[in-house]
Amino acid sequence: MFNRKDHIICLDDCYGGTNRFLRTIAVNMWKMDVTFFDFSKINDKNMIEIDKILRDNTKAVFIETCTNPTLKSV
C-alpha cells in the first residue's frame, strides 16, 4: 500500500506507460516522489549512489529486464 509522500526508485529506462504513470499519476496526483536511476551500470560507484537515493520513505524499487525499448539488461 502506497501513501502520499512515499518514495519509489524506478529504472530510468522503464516501459513508456510505466514512466508516464509514475510521472503523471504518482507524482502529480498522488504526491509521491519518484527517482529514476540507471541500474544497468552497477559497480562500486553506483552502489554508493543507490545508497544515497534510498530513503526512510522508500517503499518500492521497480526494475524490469530487459528494458523496453533499448533492451538494457539489469
Protein backbone atom coordinates (compact mmCIF):
# COMPACT_ATOMS: atom_id res chain seq x y z
CA MET A 1 0.00 0.00 0.00
CA PHE A 2 1.38 3.37 -1.01
CA ASN A 3 0.65 6.69 0.64
CA ARG A 4 1.29 10.32 -0.17
CA LYS A 5 4.93 11.29 0.27
CA ASP A 6 6.14 7.70 -0.27
CA HIS A 7 9.22 7.30 -2.45
CA ILE A 8 9.73 4.91 -5.37
CA ILE A 9 13.02 4.19 -7.12
CA CYS A 10 12.47 3.20 -10.73
CA LEU A 11 14.70 2.03 -13.54
CA ASP A 12 15.38 5.04 -15.78
CA ASP A 13 14.61 3.09 -18.96
CA CYS A 14 11.29 1.54 -17.96
CA TYR A 15 8.34 0.93 -20.28
CA GLY A 16 6.86 4.22 -21.51
CA GLY A 17 3.45 3.57 -19.95
CA THR A 18 5.07 2.93 -16.57
CA ASN A 19 7.18 6.05 -16.91
CA ARG A 20 4.14 8.19 -17.77
CA PHE A 21 2.11 6.65 -14.93
CA LEU A 22 4.80 7.41 -12.37
CA ARG A 23 5.45 10.93 -13.65
CA THR A 24 1.80 11.96 -14.02
CA ILE A 25 -0.30 9.91 -11.61
CA ALA A 26 2.12 9.03 -8.82
CA VAL A 27 3.91 12.39 -8.72
CA ASN A 28 1.24 14.89 -9.73
CA MET A 29 -1.94 13.30 -8.41
CA TRP A 30 -0.75 11.16 -5.51
CA LYS A 31 2.12 13.49 -4.47
CA MET A 32 4.64 10.67 -4.34
CA ASP A 33 8.34 11.09 -5.00
CA VAL A 34 9.94 9.06 -7.80
CA THR A 35 13.65 8.78 -8.51
CA PHE A 36 14.72 7.31 -11.86
CA PHE A 37 18.07 5.51 -11.77
CA ASP A 38 20.23 3.63 -14.31
CA PHE A 39 20.57 0.17 -12.77
CA SER A 40 22.32 -1.26 -15.84
CA LYS A 41 25.74 0.01 -14.80
CA ILE A 42 26.03 -1.36 -11.29
CA ASN A 43 29.55 -1.09 -9.90
CA ASP A 44 31.03 0.15 -6.63
CA LYS A 45 30.49 3.80 -7.58
CA ASN A 46 26.82 3.23 -8.50
CA MET A 47 26.18 1.18 -5.35
CA ILE A 48 27.21 4.24 -3.36
CA GLU A 49 24.79 6.33 -5.45
CA ILE A 50 21.97 3.85 -4.77
CA ASP A 51 22.67 4.15 -1.04
CA LYS A 52 22.30 7.92 -1.40
CA ILE A 53 18.87 7.72 -3.08
CA LEU A 54 17.39 5.20 -0.64
CA ARG A 55 15.27 6.99 1.94
CA ASP A 56 13.31 6.12 5.04
CA ASN A 57 10.13 6.55 2.99
CA THR A 58 11.30 4.41 0.02
CA LYS A 59 8.53 1.84 -0.43
CA ALA A 60 9.45 0.19 -3.73
CA VAL A 61 12.23 -0.36 -6.24
CA PHE A 62 10.92 -1.07 -9.74
CA ILE A 63 13.21 -2.82 -12.22
CA GLU A 64 12.32 -4.55 -15.48
CA THR A 65 14.73 -6.50 -17.60
CA CYS A 66 15.33 -6.50 -20.48
CA THR A 67 14.14 -2.93 -20.69
CA ASN A 68 11.76 -1.58 -23.27
CA PRO A 69 12.69 -0.29 -25.82
CA THR A 70 16.51 -0.29 -25.53
CA LEU A 71 16.87 -3.82 -24.10
CA LYS A 72 19.22 -2.87 -21.26
CA SER A 73 19.90 -5.88 -19.08
CA VAL A 74 19.79 -5.34 -15.34
